[in-house]
Amino acid sequence: MLKTERLSKHHDRKRFDCGSDALNSYLKKTARQHIDKGIAKTFVIVDDTRPGDILGFFTLVFCEVSAKDLPSKFAKKYPRKVPAAKLARLAVASARQRRGLGTEMMISAMRRILSVSENIGIIGFFVDAENEDAKGYYEQFGFIPLPNDPLKLFLPMATLHEAYAGFSTIPSVS
């Protein structure tokens, strides 16, 4: 059975390969340091039959966004700077890509952001898409491109609630 948990020392980071040198390097060299320093939280998806093997990971951070960068229907509602959550990284091991693990991790990330939003004010969830394909992937969850940079995407809290409600009913992948 698959489960998502916070990255820890018992996870085998050295063997993870998603096909992206930058993402592999972050997981292997930086993710644990960022956790220890309180900069970011990285979560891994593992199979409980081999709990040390990382099948995928995602990293969440808080960020501050300039309201002028938001789509105009949102920008006019907020002060100059607003707090938000950000999906800083998301990667699936090459051997497990295109099997639903990305969606599984997005659902987990959304659940965590919703939980945080009950205690800390945030306007939504942001992500920087690496390319047009990644942009299309995030748009299926309701993310919308920012006007001045269409590879930077925003998921308002109301849409996040709706997306999570819709996607969280999907059975977990195996």
N, C-alpha and C. Protein backbone atom coordinates (compact mmCIF):
# COMPACT_ATOMS: atom_id res chain seq x y z
N MET A 1 0.83 -1.18 0.00
CA MET A 1 0.00 0.00 0.00
C MET A 1 0.89 1.25 0.00
N LEU A 2 0.47 2.25 -0.76
CA LEU A 2 1.22 3.50 -0.83
C LEU A 2 0.87 4.41 0.32
N LYS A 3 1.88 5.15 0.76
CA LYS A 3 1.62 6.16 1.79
C LYS A 3 2.57 7.33 1.58
N THR A 4 2.12 8.47 2.05
CA THR A 4 2.92 9.69 1.97
C THR A 4 3.38 10.03 3.37
N GLU A 5 4.67 10.33 3.49
CA GLU A 5 5.23 10.67 4.79
C GLU A 5 6.33 11.70 4.62
N ARG A 6 6.67 12.37 5.72
CA ARG A 6 7.74 13.36 5.67
C ARG A 6 9.07 12.66 5.41
N LEU A 7 9.89 13.26 4.55
CA LEU A 7 11.22 12.74 4.27
C LEU A 7 12.01 12.62 5.56
N SER A 8 12.66 11.47 5.75
CA SER A 8 13.49 11.27 6.94
C SER A 8 14.76 10.52 6.56
N LYS A 9 15.62 10.31 7.54
CA LYS A 9 16.91 9.67 7.31
C LYS A 9 16.79 8.24 6.80
N HIS A 10 15.69 7.57 7.10
CA HIS A 10 15.59 6.17 6.67
C HIS A 10 15.20 6.01 5.19
N HIS A 11 14.86 7.11 4.52
CA HIS A 11 14.53 7.03 3.10
C HIS A 11 15.81 7.04 2.26
N ASP A 12 15.85 6.19 1.25
CA ASP A 12 17.03 6.05 0.39
C ASP A 12 16.99 7.11 -0.72
N ARG A 13 17.57 8.26 -0.44
CA ARG A 13 17.59 9.36 -1.40
C ARG A 13 18.56 9.11 -2.54
N LYS A 14 19.63 8.37 -2.27
CA LYS A 14 20.69 8.17 -3.28
C LYS A 14 20.21 7.45 -4.52
N ARG A 15 19.26 6.54 -4.38
CA ARG A 15 18.81 5.75 -5.54
C ARG A 15 17.69 6.41 -6.33
N PHE A 16 17.12 7.50 -5.81
CA PHE A 16 16.01 8.14 -6.51
C PHE A 16 16.48 8.78 -7.81
N ASP A 17 15.71 8.56 -8.89
CA ASP A 17 16.00 9.19 -10.17
C ASP A 17 14.68 9.44 -10.90
N CYS A 18 14.39 10.71 -11.13
CA CYS A 18 13.17 11.09 -11.84
C CYS A 18 13.46 11.55 -13.26
N GLY A 19 14.74 11.57 -13.66
CA GLY A 19 15.10 12.04 -14.98
C GLY A 19 15.49 13.50 -15.03
N SER A 20 15.39 14.20 -13.91
CA SER A 20 15.76 15.62 -13.85
C SER A 20 16.92 15.77 -12.87
N ASP A 21 18.06 16.21 -13.38
CA ASP A 21 19.23 16.38 -12.51
C ASP A 21 18.94 17.35 -11.36
N ALA A 22 18.23 18.44 -11.67
CA ALA A 22 17.95 19.45 -10.64
C ALA A 22 17.08 18.87 -9.52
N LEU A 23 16.04 18.14 -9.87
CA LEU A 23 15.16 17.56 -8.85
C LEU A 23 15.87 16.45 -8.08
N ASN A 24 16.62 15.61 -8.79
CA ASN A 24 17.38 14.55 -8.11
C ASN A 24 18.36 15.16 -7.11
N SER A 25 19.07 16.18 -7.55
CA SER A 25 20.06 16.82 -6.70
C SER A 25 19.41 17.45 -5.47
N TYR A 26 18.27 18.11 -5.66
CA TYR A 26 17.58 18.71 -4.52
C TYR A 26 17.26 17.65 -3.47
N LEU A 27 16.68 16.55 -3.91
CA LEU A 27 16.30 15.50 -2.96
C LEU A 27 17.53 14.93 -2.26
N LYS A 28 18.57 14.67 -3.01
CA LYS A 28 19.76 14.01 -2.46
C LYS A 28 20.61 14.91 -1.58
N LYS A 29 20.70 16.20 -1.93
CA LYS A 29 21.65 17.07 -1.26
C LYS A 29 21.05 18.18 -0.39
N THR A 30 19.81 18.58 -0.66
CA THR A 30 19.30 19.80 -0.05
C THR A 30 18.03 19.60 0.77
N ALA A 31 17.17 18.70 0.39
CA ALA A 31 15.84 18.58 1.02
C ALA A 31 15.92 18.42 2.53
N ARG A 32 16.76 17.52 3.02
CA ARG A 32 16.86 17.30 4.47
C ARG A 32 17.39 18.55 5.18
N GLN A 33 18.33 19.26 4.56
CA GLN A 33 18.85 20.49 5.17
C GLN A 33 17.73 21.53 5.29
N HIS A 34 16.90 21.63 4.25
CA HIS A 34 15.80 22.59 4.29
C HIS A 34 14.77 22.22 5.36
N ILE A 35 14.53 20.93 5.53
CA ILE A 35 13.63 20.49 6.60
C ILE A 35 14.21 20.89 7.96
N ASP A 36 15.49 20.57 8.16
CA ASP A 36 16.14 20.88 9.45
C ASP A 36 16.15 22.37 9.76
N LYS A 37 16.27 23.22 8.73
CA LYS A 37 16.32 24.66 8.92
C LYS A 37 14.94 25.31 8.92
N GLY A 38 13.90 24.52 8.66
CA GLY A 38 12.54 25.05 8.64
C GLY A 38 12.20 25.84 7.39
N ILE A 39 12.98 25.66 6.33
CA ILE A 39 12.78 26.41 5.08
C ILE A 39 11.67 25.79 4.24
N ALA A 40 11.62 24.47 4.22
CA ALA A 40 10.67 23.74 3.38
C ALA A 40 10.37 22.39 4.03
N LYS A 41 9.26 21.79 3.61
CA LYS A 41 8.92 20.45 4.06
C LYS A 41 8.80 19.57 2.81
N THR A 42 9.55 18.48 2.82
CA THR A 42 9.50 17.54 1.70
C THR A 42 8.84 16.26 2.17
N PHE A 43 7.94 15.78 1.35
CA PHE A 43 7.20 14.56 1.62
C PHE A 43 7.49 13.55 0.52
N VAL A 44 7.53 12.29 0.88
CA VAL A 44 7.82 11.23 -0.08
C VAL A 44 6.64 10.27 -0.13
N ILE A 45 6.50 9.65 -1.28
CA ILE A 45 5.50 8.59 -1.41
C ILE A 45 6.28 7.28 -1.48
N VAL A 46 5.87 6.34 -0.65
CA VAL A 46 6.55 5.05 -0.56
C VAL A 46 5.52 3.93 -0.56
N ASP A 47 6.00 2.74 -0.86
CA ASP A 47 5.18 1.54 -0.76
C ASP A 47 5.56 0.88 0.56
N ASP A 48 4.59 0.54 1.38
CA ASP A 48 4.94 0.02 2.71
C ASP A 48 5.65 -1.34 2.65
N THR A 49 5.69 -1.98 1.47
CA THR A 49 6.46 -3.22 1.36
C THR A 49 7.96 -2.93 1.25
N ARG A 50 8.31 -1.71 0.81
CA ARG A 50 9.71 -1.26 0.73
C ARG A 50 9.75 0.20 1.18
N PRO A 51 9.57 0.44 2.47
CA PRO A 51 9.37 1.81 2.96
C PRO A 51 10.56 2.75 2.80
N GLY A 52 11.74 2.24 2.51
CA GLY A 52 12.89 3.12 2.31
C GLY A 52 13.01 3.63 0.88
N ASP A 53 12.34 2.97 -0.08
CA ASP A 53 12.42 3.35 -1.48
C ASP A 53 11.47 4.51 -1.78
N ILE A 54 12.00 5.59 -2.31
CA ILE A 54 11.21 6.77 -2.64
C ILE A 54 10.66 6.63 -4.05
N LEU A 55 9.35 6.64 -4.17
CA LEU A 55 8.70 6.54 -5.48
C LEU A 55 8.45 7.92 -6.08
N GLY A 56 8.34 8.91 -5.22
CA GLY A 56 8.13 10.28 -5.65
C GLY A 56 8.24 11.20 -4.45
N PHE A 57 8.35 12.50 -4.72
CA PHE A 57 8.40 13.46 -3.62
C PHE A 57 7.82 14.79 -4.04
N PHE A 58 7.40 15.56 -3.04
CA PHE A 58 6.98 16.93 -3.28
C PHE A 58 7.44 17.78 -2.11
N THR A 59 7.65 19.05 -2.40
CA THR A 59 8.13 20.00 -1.39
C THR A 59 7.17 21.17 -1.32
N LEU A 60 6.81 21.54 -0.09
CA LEU A 60 5.91 22.66 0.15
C LEU A 60 6.65 23.76 0.91
N VAL A 61 6.34 25.00 0.54
CA VAL A 61 6.91 26.17 1.22
C VAL A 61 5.83 27.26 1.31
N PHE A 62 6.06 28.22 2.19
CA PHE A 62 5.23 29.42 2.19
C PHE A 62 5.93 30.46 1.33
N CYS A 63 5.15 31.36 0.78
CA CYS A 63 5.73 32.43 -0.03
C CYS A 63 4.89 33.68 0.15
N GLU A 64 5.43 34.77 -0.29
CA GLU A 64 4.70 36.04 -0.31
C GLU A 64 4.58 36.45 -1.77
N VAL A 65 3.40 36.87 -2.15
CA VAL A 65 3.12 37.19 -3.55
C VAL A 65 2.66 38.63 -3.65
N SER A 66 3.09 39.29 -4.69
CA SER A 66 2.62 40.65 -4.96
C SER A 66 1.25 40.56 -5.61
N ALA A 67 0.28 41.22 -5.04
CA ALA A 67 -1.09 41.16 -5.57
C ALA A 67 -1.16 41.63 -7.02
N LYS A 68 -0.28 42.54 -7.42
CA LYS A 68 -0.31 43.04 -8.81
C LYS A 68 0.04 41.95 -9.82
N ASP A 69 0.66 40.85 -9.37
CA ASP A 69 1.00 39.74 -10.27
C ASP A 69 -0.16 38.76 -10.47
N LEU A 70 -1.21 38.90 -9.67
CA LEU A 70 -2.35 38.00 -9.76
C LEU A 70 -3.27 38.41 -10.90
N PRO A 71 -4.10 37.48 -11.38
CA PRO A 71 -5.14 37.88 -12.34
C PRO A 71 -5.97 39.02 -11.74
N SER A 72 -6.41 39.96 -12.57
CA SER A 72 -7.03 41.19 -12.07
C SER A 72 -8.23 40.94 -11.16
N LYS A 73 -9.01 39.90 -11.41
CA LYS A 73 -10.19 39.67 -10.56
C LYS A 73 -9.79 39.32 -9.12
N PHE A 74 -8.55 38.86 -8.93
CA PHE A 74 -8.06 38.57 -7.58
C PHE A 74 -7.24 39.74 -7.03
N ALA A 75 -6.46 40.38 -7.88
CA ALA A 75 -5.54 41.44 -7.46
C ALA A 75 -6.27 42.56 -6.73
N LYS A 76 -7.45 42.92 -7.21
CA LYS A 76 -8.17 44.04 -6.62
C LYS A 76 -8.73 43.73 -5.23
N LYS A 77 -8.76 42.46 -4.85
CA LYS A 77 -9.32 42.05 -3.55
C LYS A 77 -8.30 42.09 -2.42
N TYR A 78 -7.02 42.15 -2.76
CA TYR A 78 -5.98 41.95 -1.76
C TYR A 78 -5.10 43.16 -1.55
N PRO A 79 -4.42 43.23 -0.39
CA PRO A 79 -3.41 44.28 -0.20
C PRO A 79 -2.21 44.01 -1.11
N ARG A 80 -1.25 44.89 -1.03
CA ARG A 80 -0.09 44.84 -1.94
C ARG A 80 0.64 43.50 -1.91
N LYS A 81 0.92 42.95 -0.74
CA LYS A 81 1.61 41.66 -0.59
C LYS A 81 0.70 40.70 0.17
N VAL A 82 0.67 39.45 -0.27
CA VAL A 82 -0.22 38.47 0.36
C VAL A 82 0.52 37.14 0.57
N PRO A 83 0.16 36.43 1.65
CA PRO A 83 0.79 35.14 1.94
C PRO A 83 0.12 34.02 1.14
N ALA A 84 0.93 33.01 0.81
CA ALA A 84 0.43 31.87 0.04
C ALA A 84 1.29 30.65 0.33
N ALA A 85 0.85 29.53 -0.17
CA ALA A 85 1.63 28.29 -0.12
C ALA A 85 2.12 28.01 -1.53
N LYS A 86 3.22 27.28 -1.60
CA LYS A 86 3.78 26.98 -2.92
C LYS A 86 4.24 25.53 -2.99
N LEU A 87 3.94 24.92 -4.09
CA LEU A 87 4.49 23.61 -4.42
C LEU A 87 5.84 23.89 -5.08
N ALA A 88 6.90 23.74 -4.31
CA ALA A 88 8.23 24.10 -4.81
C ALA A 88 8.81 23.03 -5.73
N ARG A 89 8.46 21.77 -5.48
CA ARG A 89 8.96 20.67 -6.30
C ARG A 89 7.98 19.52 -6.26
N LEU A 90 7.93 18.78 -7.37
CA LEU A 90 7.15 17.54 -7.44
C LEU A 90 7.85 16.65 -8.45
N ALA A 91 8.15 15.42 -8.05
CA ALA A 91 8.85 14.51 -8.96
C ALA A 91 8.43 13.07 -8.68
N VAL A 92 8.38 12.29 -9.74
CA VAL A 92 8.07 10.86 -9.65
C VAL A 92 9.25 10.10 -10.23
N ALA A 93 9.64 9.02 -9.57
CA ALA A 93 10.74 8.18 -10.06
C ALA A 93 10.44 7.75 -11.49
N SER A 94 11.46 7.76 -12.34
CA SER A 94 11.29 7.45 -13.76
C SER A 94 10.53 6.15 -13.99
N ALA A 95 10.84 5.12 -13.23
CA ALA A 95 10.20 3.81 -13.41
C ALA A 95 8.73 3.82 -13.02
N ARG A 96 8.27 4.85 -12.32
CA ARG A 96 6.87 4.89 -11.85
C ARG A 96 6.06 6.03 -12.47
N GLN A 97 6.63 6.72 -13.45
CA GLN A 97 5.93 7.85 -14.05
C GLN A 97 4.72 7.40 -14.87
N ARG A 98 3.74 8.29 -14.94
CA ARG A 98 2.51 8.08 -15.70
C ARG A 98 1.64 6.95 -15.14
N ARG A 99 1.68 6.79 -13.81
CA ARG A 99 0.86 5.77 -13.14
C ARG A 99 0.00 6.36 -12.04
N GLY A 100 -0.13 7.68 -12.00
CA GLY A 100 -1.01 8.30 -11.03
C GLY A 100 -0.35 8.77 -9.75
N LEU A 101 0.97 8.57 -9.62
CA LEU A 101 1.62 9.00 -8.38
C LEU A 101 1.65 10.51 -8.24
N GLY A 102 1.78 11.23 -9.36
CA GLY A 102 1.75 12.69 -9.30
C GLY A 102 0.42 13.19 -8.75
N THR A 103 -0.67 12.58 -9.21
CA THR A 103 -1.99 12.96 -8.72
C THR A 103 -2.12 12.61 -7.24
N GLU A 104 -1.61 11.45 -6.86
CA GLU A 104 -1.64 11.04 -5.45
C GLU A 104 -0.92 12.09 -4.58
N MET A 105 0.24 12.56 -5.06
CA MET A 105 1.00 13.55 -4.29
C MET A 105 0.31 14.91 -4.29
N MET A 106 -0.32 15.29 -5.41
CA MET A 106 -1.05 16.56 -5.45
C MET A 106 -2.21 16.54 -4.46
N ILE A 107 -2.92 15.43 -4.38
CA ILE A 107 -4.02 15.32 -3.43
C ILE A 107 -3.48 15.46 -2.00
N SER A 108 -2.37 14.82 -1.72
CA SER A 108 -1.75 14.93 -0.40
C SER A 108 -1.32 16.36 -0.12
N ALA A 109 -0.72 17.03 -1.11
CA ALA A 109 -0.29 18.42 -0.94
C ALA A 109 -1.50 19.32 -0.68
N MET A 110 -2.56 19.12 -1.44
CA MET A 110 -3.77 19.92 -1.25
C MET A 110 -4.33 19.74 0.17
N ARG A 111 -4.37 18.50 0.62
CA ARG A 111 -4.88 18.22 1.97
C ARG A 111 -4.05 18.97 3.01
N ARG A 112 -2.75 18.96 2.84
CA ARG A 112 -1.87 19.64 3.79
C ARG A 112 -2.07 21.16 3.74
N ILE A 113 -2.22 21.71 2.56
CA ILE A 113 -2.43 23.16 2.42
C ILE A 113 -3.77 23.55 3.03
N LEU A 114 -4.80 22.75 2.80
CA LEU A 114 -6.10 23.04 3.41
C LEU A 114 -6.01 23.01 4.93
N SER A 115 -5.27 22.05 5.45
CA SER A 115 -5.10 21.96 6.90
C SER A 115 -4.40 23.20 7.45
N VAL A 116 -3.34 23.63 6.79
CA VAL A 116 -2.61 24.82 7.21
C VAL A 116 -3.52 26.05 7.14
N SER A 117 -4.35 26.12 6.10
CA SER A 117 -5.19 27.31 5.91
C SER A 117 -6.25 27.46 7.00
N GLU A 118 -6.48 26.41 7.76
CA GLU A 118 -7.42 26.52 8.88
C GLU A 118 -6.81 27.30 10.05
N ASN A 119 -5.47 27.42 10.06
CA ASN A 119 -4.78 28.06 11.16
C ASN A 119 -3.94 29.28 10.78
N ILE A 120 -3.62 29.40 9.52
CA ILE A 120 -2.78 30.50 9.03
C ILE A 120 -3.40 31.04 7.75
N GLY A 121 -3.46 32.36 7.63
CA GLY A 121 -4.05 32.96 6.45
C GLY A 121 -3.18 32.81 5.21
N ILE A 122 -3.75 32.25 4.17
CA ILE A 122 -3.10 32.18 2.85
C ILE A 122 -4.19 32.37 1.80
N ILE A 123 -3.80 32.93 0.66
CA ILE A 123 -4.79 33.19 -0.39
C ILE A 123 -4.92 32.04 -1.38
N GLY A 124 -3.94 31.14 -1.40
CA GLY A 124 -4.00 30.05 -2.35
C GLY A 124 -2.70 29.30 -2.45
N PHE A 125 -2.59 28.56 -3.50
CA PHE A 125 -1.50 27.61 -3.74
C PHE A 125 -0.86 27.97 -5.07
N PHE A 126 0.46 28.10 -5.10
CA PHE A 126 1.19 28.49 -6.30
C PHE A 126 2.14 27.38 -6.74
N VAL A 127 2.47 27.39 -8.02
CA VAL A 127 3.47 26.48 -8.56
C VAL A 127 4.09 27.14 -9.79
N ASP A 128 5.38 26.90 -10.00
CA ASP A 128 6.06 27.32 -11.21
C ASP A 128 6.20 26.09 -12.09
N ALA A 129 5.50 26.07 -13.22
CA ALA A 129 5.57 24.94 -14.14
C ALA A 129 6.88 25.00 -14.92
N GLU A 130 7.49 23.87 -15.11
CA GLU A 130 8.77 23.80 -15.82
C GLU A 130 8.61 24.06 -17.31
N ASN A 131 7.46 23.66 -17.88
CA ASN A 131 7.23 23.80 -19.31
C ASN A 131 5.72 23.73 -19.57
N GLU A 132 5.34 23.79 -20.85
CA GLU A 132 3.92 23.78 -21.20
C GLU A 132 3.23 22.48 -20.81
N ASP A 133 3.92 21.35 -20.92
CA ASP A 133 3.33 20.07 -20.50
C ASP A 133 3.01 20.08 -19.01
N ALA A 134 3.95 20.57 -18.22
CA ALA A 134 3.74 20.65 -16.77
C ALA A 134 2.60 21.63 -16.47
N LYS A 135 2.55 22.73 -17.21
CA LYS A 135 1.46 23.70 -17.03
C LYS A 135 0.11 23.01 -17.24
N GLY A 136 -0.02 22.23 -18.30
CA GLY A 136 -1.25 21.51 -18.58
C GLY A 136 -1.61 20.55 -17.46
N TYR A 137 -0.59 19.90 -16.89
CA TYR A 137 -0.81 18.98 -15.78
C TYR A 137 -1.43 19.72 -14.60
N TYR A 138 -0.85 20.87 -14.23
CA TYR A 138 -1.36 21.62 -13.08
C TYR A 138 -2.74 22.23 -13.35
N GLU A 139 -2.99 22.60 -14.59
CA GLU A 139 -4.29 23.19 -14.92
C GLU A 139 -5.43 22.20 -14.69
N GLN A 140 -5.17 20.91 -14.80
CA GLN A 140 -6.25 19.93 -14.55
C GLN A 140 -6.74 19.97 -13.10
N PHE A 141 -5.93 20.52 -12.21
CA PHE A 141 -6.32 20.66 -10.80
C PHE A 141 -7.00 22.01 -10.54
N GLY A 142 -7.08 22.86 -11.55
CA GLY A 142 -7.72 24.16 -11.40
C GLY A 142 -6.76 25.33 -11.31
N PHE A 143 -5.45 25.07 -11.39
CA PHE A 143 -4.48 26.16 -11.37
C PHE A 143 -4.70 27.05 -12.59
N ILE A 144 -4.53 28.36 -12.40
CA ILE A 144 -4.66 29.31 -13.51
C ILE A 144 -3.35 30.07 -13.66
N PRO A 145 -2.97 30.36 -14.91
CA PRO A 145 -1.70 31.07 -15.14
C PRO A 145 -1.77 32.53 -14.69
N LEU A 146 -0.64 33.02 -14.23
CA LEU A 146 -0.55 34.44 -13.88
C LEU A 146 -0.39 35.24 -15.17
N PRO A 147 -0.95 36.44 -15.22
CA PRO A 147 -0.95 37.21 -16.47
C PRO A 147 0.43 37.52 -17.04
N ASN A 148 1.40 37.84 -16.20
CA ASN A 148 2.72 38.24 -16.71
C ASN A 148 3.69 37.09 -16.90
N ASP A 149 3.32 35.90 -16.45
CA ASP A 149 4.19 34.73 -16.61
C ASP A 149 3.31 33.48 -16.60
N PRO A 150 2.91 33.02 -17.78
CA PRO A 150 1.95 31.91 -17.85
C PRO A 150 2.46 30.57 -17.32
N LEU A 151 3.74 30.46 -17.00
CA LEU A 151 4.25 29.23 -16.39
C LEU A 151 4.21 29.29 -14.87
N LYS A 152 3.82 30.43 -14.33
CA LYS A 152 3.56 30.55 -12.88
C LYS A 152 2.05 30.45 -12.72
N LEU A 153 1.63 29.52 -11.87
CA LEU A 153 0.20 29.24 -11.76
C LEU A 153 -0.29 29.42 -10.33
N PHE A 154 -1.58 29.70 -10.23
CA PHE A 154 -2.24 30.05 -8.96
C PHE A 154 -3.52 29.24 -8.82
N LEU A 155 -3.70 28.65 -7.66
CA LEU A 155 -4.93 27.94 -7.32
C LEU A 155 -5.55 28.65 -6.12
N PRO A 156 -6.59 29.47 -6.36
CA PRO A 156 -7.23 30.18 -5.25
C PRO A 156 -7.80 29.19 -4.23
N MET A 157 -7.93 29.62 -2.99
CA MET A 157 -8.39 28.71 -1.93
C MET A 157 -9.75 28.10 -2.24
N ALA A 158 -10.69 28.87 -2.76
CA ALA A 158 -12.01 28.31 -3.07
C ALA A 158 -11.89 27.19 -4.10
N THR A 159 -11.06 27.40 -5.11
CA THR A 159 -10.86 26.38 -6.14
C THR A 159 -10.12 25.19 -5.56
N LEU A 160 -9.18 25.43 -4.67
CA LEU A 160 -8.46 24.34 -4.03
C LEU A 160 -9.43 23.45 -3.26
N HIS A 161 -10.35 24.05 -2.53
CA HIS A 161 -11.36 23.27 -1.80
C HIS A 161 -12.16 22.40 -2.77
N GLU A 162 -12.59 22.97 -3.88
CA GLU A 162 -13.37 22.22 -4.88
C GLU A 162 -12.54 21.11 -5.51
N ALA A 163 -11.31 21.43 -5.88
CA ALA A 163 -10.45 20.43 -6.52
C ALA A 163 -10.17 19.27 -5.57
N TYR A 164 -9.86 19.60 -4.34
CA TYR A 164 -9.57 18.54 -3.36
C TYR A 164 -10.80 17.65 -3.17
N ALA A 165 -11.97 18.25 -3.07
CA ALA A 165 -13.19 17.47 -2.89
C ALA A 165 -13.40 16.52 -4.07
N GLY A 166 -13.11 17.00 -5.27
CA GLY A 166 -13.28 16.16 -6.46
C GLY A 166 -12.23 15.08 -6.59
N PHE A 167 -10.98 15.45 -6.38
CA PHE A 167 -9.89 14.48 -6.55
C PHE A 167 -9.73 13.53 -5.38
N SER A 168 -10.11 13.94 -4.19
CA SER A 168 -9.89 13.08 -3.03
C SER A 168 -10.81 11.87 -3.01
N THR A 169 -11.79 11.85 -3.89
CA THR A 169 -12.67 10.68 -3.97
C THR A 169 -12.10 9.61 -4.89
N ILE A 170 -11.01 9.93 -5.59
CA ILE A 170 -10.36 8.94 -6.46
C ILE A 170 -9.63 7.93 -5.58
N PRO A 171 -9.80 6.64 -5.84
CA PRO A 171 -9.09 5.64 -5.03
C PRO A 171 -7.58 5.80 -5.19
N SER A 172 -6.84 5.48 -4.13
CA SER A 172 -5.38 5.55 -4.17
C SER A 172 -4.84 4.60 -5.22
N VAL A 173 -3.73 4.99 -5.84
CA VAL A 173 -3.08 4.12 -6.83
C VAL A 173 -2.31 3.03 -6.12
N SER A 174 -2.02 1.96 -6.82
CA SER A 174 -1.24 0.89 -6.20
C SER A 174 0.05 0.67 -6.94
